[in-house]
Every structure is written in C-alpha cells, then in structure tokens.
N, C-alpha and C. Protein backbone atom coordinates (compact mmCIF):
# COMPACT_ATOMS: atom_id res chain seq x y z
N MET A 1 -21.65 -46.41 -13.51
CA MET A 1 -21.89 -45.27 -12.64
C MET A 1 -23.34 -44.82 -12.81
N ALA A 2 -23.98 -44.53 -11.70
CA ALA A 2 -25.38 -44.16 -11.72
C ALA A 2 -25.57 -42.71 -12.19
N THR A 3 -26.62 -42.52 -12.97
CA THR A 3 -26.95 -41.18 -13.42
C THR A 3 -27.64 -40.43 -12.27
N GLU A 4 -27.80 -39.13 -12.44
CA GLU A 4 -28.46 -38.33 -11.41
C GLU A 4 -29.90 -38.81 -11.21
N ARG A 5 -30.57 -39.15 -12.29
CA ARG A 5 -31.95 -39.66 -12.19
C ARG A 5 -31.98 -40.96 -11.40
N GLU A 6 -31.05 -41.86 -11.68
CA GLU A 6 -31.01 -43.14 -10.96
C GLU A 6 -30.73 -42.92 -9.47
N LYS A 7 -29.88 -41.97 -9.15
CA LYS A 7 -29.58 -41.66 -7.75
C LYS A 7 -30.81 -41.13 -7.04
N LYS A 8 -31.57 -40.28 -7.72
CA LYS A 8 -32.79 -39.72 -7.13
C LYS A 8 -33.84 -40.81 -6.90
N ILE A 9 -33.98 -41.70 -7.85
CA ILE A 9 -34.94 -42.80 -7.72
C ILE A 9 -34.51 -43.72 -6.58
N SER A 10 -33.23 -44.03 -6.52
CA SER A 10 -32.70 -44.86 -5.44
C SER A 10 -32.96 -44.22 -4.08
N GLU A 11 -32.71 -42.93 -3.97
CA GLU A 11 -32.93 -42.21 -2.71
C GLU A 11 -34.42 -42.16 -2.36
N PHE A 12 -35.26 -41.99 -3.35
CA PHE A 12 -36.70 -42.00 -3.11
C PHE A 12 -37.12 -43.32 -2.47
N TYR A 13 -36.70 -44.44 -3.06
CA TYR A 13 -37.07 -45.74 -2.52
C TYR A 13 -36.43 -45.97 -1.15
N ARG A 14 -35.20 -45.53 -0.95
CA ARG A 14 -34.57 -45.66 0.35
C ARG A 14 -35.42 -44.97 1.42
N GLN A 15 -35.86 -43.74 1.13
CA GLN A 15 -36.69 -43.00 2.08
C GLN A 15 -38.03 -43.69 2.33
N GLU A 16 -38.60 -44.30 1.33
CA GLU A 16 -39.85 -45.04 1.51
C GLU A 16 -39.65 -46.22 2.45
N PHE A 17 -38.55 -46.94 2.26
CA PHE A 17 -38.27 -48.08 3.13
C PHE A 17 -37.96 -47.61 4.56
N ILE A 18 -37.33 -46.47 4.70
CA ILE A 18 -37.07 -45.91 6.03
C ILE A 18 -38.41 -45.58 6.71
N ARG A 19 -39.34 -45.05 5.96
CA ARG A 19 -40.66 -44.76 6.53
C ARG A 19 -41.36 -46.04 6.98
N HIS A 20 -41.23 -47.10 6.20
CA HIS A 20 -41.81 -48.38 6.59
C HIS A 20 -41.11 -48.92 7.84
N ARG A 21 -39.82 -48.71 7.92
CA ARG A 21 -39.05 -49.16 9.10
C ARG A 21 -39.56 -48.43 10.35
N SER A 22 -39.80 -47.16 10.23
CA SER A 22 -40.32 -46.37 11.34
C SER A 22 -41.71 -46.87 11.74
N ARG A 23 -42.53 -47.12 10.76
CA ARG A 23 -43.88 -47.63 11.03
C ARG A 23 -43.81 -48.98 11.73
N LEU A 24 -42.90 -49.83 11.28
CA LEU A 24 -42.71 -51.14 11.88
C LEU A 24 -42.33 -51.00 13.36
N GLU A 25 -41.46 -50.07 13.67
CA GLU A 25 -41.05 -49.85 15.06
C GLU A 25 -42.26 -49.52 15.94
N HIS A 26 -43.19 -48.74 15.40
CA HIS A 26 -44.39 -48.38 16.15
C HIS A 26 -45.34 -49.57 16.32
N GLN A 27 -45.18 -50.57 15.48
CA GLN A 27 -46.05 -51.75 15.54
C GLN A 27 -45.40 -52.93 16.26
N ARG A 28 -44.25 -52.71 16.81
CA ARG A 28 -43.45 -53.79 17.40
C ARG A 28 -44.24 -54.68 18.36
N THR A 29 -45.07 -54.09 19.18
CA THR A 29 -45.81 -54.87 20.19
C THR A 29 -46.80 -55.85 19.58
N PHE A 30 -47.10 -55.69 18.30
CA PHE A 30 -48.05 -56.58 17.64
C PHE A 30 -47.38 -57.81 17.02
N PHE A 31 -46.07 -57.87 17.09
CA PHE A 31 -45.32 -58.97 16.49
C PHE A 31 -44.64 -59.84 17.53
N VAL A 32 -44.51 -61.10 17.23
CA VAL A 32 -43.65 -61.97 18.01
C VAL A 32 -42.22 -61.45 17.76
N GLU A 33 -41.40 -61.45 18.78
CA GLU A 33 -40.07 -60.84 18.69
C GLU A 33 -39.24 -61.38 17.52
N GLN A 34 -39.25 -62.68 17.31
CA GLN A 34 -38.47 -63.25 16.22
C GLN A 34 -38.97 -62.76 14.86
N THR A 35 -40.26 -62.68 14.70
CA THR A 35 -40.84 -62.19 13.44
C THR A 35 -40.45 -60.73 13.22
N TYR A 36 -40.58 -59.94 14.27
CA TYR A 36 -40.19 -58.53 14.17
C TYR A 36 -38.73 -58.40 13.76
N GLU A 37 -37.86 -59.15 14.39
CA GLU A 37 -36.43 -59.07 14.08
C GLU A 37 -36.12 -59.49 12.65
N GLU A 38 -36.85 -60.48 12.15
CA GLU A 38 -36.64 -60.92 10.77
C GLU A 38 -37.06 -59.83 9.78
N ILE A 39 -38.21 -59.23 10.03
CA ILE A 39 -38.69 -58.16 9.14
C ILE A 39 -37.75 -56.96 9.23
N GLU A 40 -37.35 -56.62 10.43
CA GLU A 40 -36.43 -55.51 10.65
C GLU A 40 -35.11 -55.74 9.92
N SER A 41 -34.62 -56.95 9.99
CA SER A 41 -33.36 -57.30 9.33
C SER A 41 -33.47 -57.15 7.80
N VAL A 42 -34.58 -57.59 7.25
CA VAL A 42 -34.80 -57.46 5.80
C VAL A 42 -34.86 -55.98 5.40
N LEU A 43 -35.60 -55.20 6.16
CA LEU A 43 -35.70 -53.76 5.86
C LEU A 43 -34.34 -53.08 5.97
N ASP A 44 -33.60 -53.39 7.01
CA ASP A 44 -32.27 -52.79 7.17
C ASP A 44 -31.36 -53.15 6.01
N LYS A 45 -31.42 -54.39 5.58
CA LYS A 45 -30.59 -54.82 4.45
C LYS A 45 -30.97 -54.07 3.18
N ILE A 46 -32.26 -53.95 2.92
CA ILE A 46 -32.72 -53.22 1.74
C ILE A 46 -32.26 -51.76 1.80
N ILE A 47 -32.44 -51.13 2.94
CA ILE A 47 -32.06 -49.72 3.11
C ILE A 47 -30.56 -49.54 2.90
N HIS A 48 -29.76 -50.39 3.53
CA HIS A 48 -28.30 -50.23 3.46
C HIS A 48 -27.71 -50.62 2.10
N GLU A 49 -28.42 -51.47 1.38
CA GLU A 49 -27.89 -51.93 0.09
C GLU A 49 -28.65 -51.34 -1.10
N MET A 50 -29.38 -50.27 -0.87
CA MET A 50 -30.19 -49.67 -1.93
C MET A 50 -29.35 -49.27 -3.14
N ASP A 51 -28.18 -48.71 -2.93
CA ASP A 51 -27.35 -48.33 -4.07
C ASP A 51 -26.96 -49.54 -4.91
N LYS A 52 -26.68 -50.63 -4.27
CA LYS A 52 -26.34 -51.87 -4.96
C LYS A 52 -27.57 -52.43 -5.68
N ILE A 53 -28.69 -52.45 -4.99
CA ILE A 53 -29.95 -52.95 -5.57
C ILE A 53 -30.35 -52.11 -6.78
N SER A 54 -30.09 -50.82 -6.70
CA SER A 54 -30.50 -49.92 -7.79
C SER A 54 -29.76 -50.17 -9.10
N GLN A 55 -28.74 -51.00 -9.06
CA GLN A 55 -27.98 -51.28 -10.28
C GLN A 55 -28.56 -52.41 -11.13
N VAL A 56 -29.55 -53.13 -10.60
CA VAL A 56 -30.16 -54.20 -11.40
C VAL A 56 -31.01 -53.60 -12.51
N ASN A 57 -31.16 -54.34 -13.58
CA ASN A 57 -31.86 -53.83 -14.77
C ASN A 57 -33.30 -53.41 -14.50
N ASN A 58 -34.02 -54.16 -13.74
CA ASN A 58 -35.43 -53.86 -13.48
C ASN A 58 -35.62 -53.26 -12.09
N PHE A 59 -34.72 -52.38 -11.69
CA PHE A 59 -34.71 -51.84 -10.34
C PHE A 59 -36.04 -51.25 -9.91
N GLU A 60 -36.63 -50.38 -10.71
CA GLU A 60 -37.88 -49.73 -10.29
C GLU A 60 -39.00 -50.75 -10.08
N GLU A 61 -39.06 -51.73 -10.94
CA GLU A 61 -40.06 -52.78 -10.79
C GLU A 61 -39.78 -53.59 -9.52
N LEU A 62 -38.52 -53.94 -9.30
CA LEU A 62 -38.13 -54.70 -8.11
C LEU A 62 -38.41 -53.91 -6.84
N ALA A 63 -38.00 -52.65 -6.80
CA ALA A 63 -38.20 -51.81 -5.62
C ALA A 63 -39.69 -51.63 -5.34
N SER A 64 -40.46 -51.42 -6.38
CA SER A 64 -41.90 -51.26 -6.22
C SER A 64 -42.52 -52.54 -5.64
N HIS A 65 -42.08 -53.68 -6.13
CA HIS A 65 -42.59 -54.96 -5.64
C HIS A 65 -42.20 -55.16 -4.16
N LEU A 66 -40.96 -54.86 -3.82
CA LEU A 66 -40.51 -54.99 -2.43
C LEU A 66 -41.31 -54.06 -1.51
N LEU A 67 -41.54 -52.85 -1.98
CA LEU A 67 -42.31 -51.89 -1.20
C LEU A 67 -43.74 -52.39 -0.99
N TYR A 68 -44.32 -52.94 -2.02
CA TYR A 68 -45.66 -53.50 -1.92
C TYR A 68 -45.70 -54.63 -0.88
N ARG A 69 -44.68 -55.50 -0.92
CA ARG A 69 -44.62 -56.62 0.02
C ARG A 69 -44.46 -56.14 1.46
N ILE A 70 -43.62 -55.15 1.66
CA ILE A 70 -43.41 -54.60 3.00
C ILE A 70 -44.69 -53.89 3.47
N ASP A 71 -45.37 -53.24 2.55
CA ASP A 71 -46.59 -52.54 2.91
C ASP A 71 -47.68 -53.50 3.38
N THR A 72 -47.67 -54.73 2.91
CA THR A 72 -48.64 -55.70 3.39
C THR A 72 -48.42 -56.01 4.87
N VAL A 73 -47.21 -55.78 5.34
CA VAL A 73 -46.89 -55.99 6.76
C VAL A 73 -47.18 -54.73 7.57
N THR A 74 -46.74 -53.59 7.10
CA THR A 74 -46.85 -52.36 7.88
C THR A 74 -48.16 -51.61 7.66
N SER A 75 -48.82 -51.84 6.53
CA SER A 75 -50.06 -51.14 6.16
C SER A 75 -49.88 -49.62 6.15
N LEU A 76 -48.70 -49.17 5.85
CA LEU A 76 -48.41 -47.74 5.86
C LEU A 76 -49.25 -46.98 4.84
N SER A 77 -49.45 -47.54 3.67
CA SER A 77 -50.18 -46.83 2.62
C SER A 77 -51.66 -46.62 2.95
N THR A 78 -52.19 -47.40 3.85
CA THR A 78 -53.60 -47.26 4.22
C THR A 78 -53.78 -46.63 5.60
N SER A 79 -52.70 -46.19 6.18
CA SER A 79 -52.75 -45.63 7.53
C SER A 79 -53.58 -44.36 7.58
N GLN A 80 -54.40 -44.28 8.60
CA GLN A 80 -55.21 -43.09 8.83
C GLN A 80 -54.59 -42.21 9.93
N ILE A 81 -53.52 -42.68 10.54
CA ILE A 81 -52.90 -41.98 11.66
C ILE A 81 -52.26 -40.67 11.25
N ASP A 82 -51.40 -40.72 10.27
CA ASP A 82 -50.70 -39.53 9.83
C ASP A 82 -50.46 -39.63 8.33
N PRO A 83 -51.24 -38.94 7.52
CA PRO A 83 -51.13 -39.05 6.06
C PRO A 83 -49.73 -38.77 5.51
N SER A 84 -48.91 -38.02 6.23
CA SER A 84 -47.57 -37.73 5.72
C SER A 84 -46.69 -38.97 5.67
N TYR A 85 -47.11 -40.04 6.37
CA TYR A 85 -46.35 -41.27 6.35
C TYR A 85 -46.80 -42.24 5.28
N ARG A 86 -47.79 -41.87 4.52
CA ARG A 86 -48.30 -42.75 3.48
C ARG A 86 -47.30 -42.92 2.36
N VAL A 87 -47.34 -44.07 1.74
CA VAL A 87 -46.44 -44.37 0.63
C VAL A 87 -46.97 -43.79 -0.66
N HIS A 88 -48.25 -43.90 -0.89
CA HIS A 88 -48.85 -43.48 -2.17
C HIS A 88 -49.55 -42.16 -2.02
C-alpha cells in the first residue's frame, strides 16, 4: 500500500504528464498523424497507469527519465508561451 508521500509524488508526476499531453495536443499539426497517435498512446498509458508505475523500486528516477524523454518531444520545459506550463 502506498504511503501518503508516495501518493503525492505519483500525483505530481501524473499532472506533469497531463501537462505534456496538453502541450502535445497544441503541437498536433507539426506531427505526422501516426507519430502523434503513438506519442499520445504512450502518454495516455503512462497517465492511466501511474499508480501501478509508482510501485516500482526506482519510481522517481523512472518517472523523471520518462518526463525528460517526453519533454524532448514537447519542449514544454523550454516553452516561452506560458511559463505556468513549464515542467521545471
């Protein structure tokens, strides 16, 4: 059973991935449809299975790595459009 701290960390990462999902939606026109759908599918899976993913031993390291990888696609952390959407 997850502790309160683990639940908060899991929810934090879930919200970060949701923000990346939103950013991806705004960038849809820049992707080939199949590529967009593949990235969207991965993000949806991560978001929906976050509680399960959070149970692995190195969860924070794994989530951080996944977030970094997704950020290379969405560039959310370097966005100048709206700072409230930044990851870092």
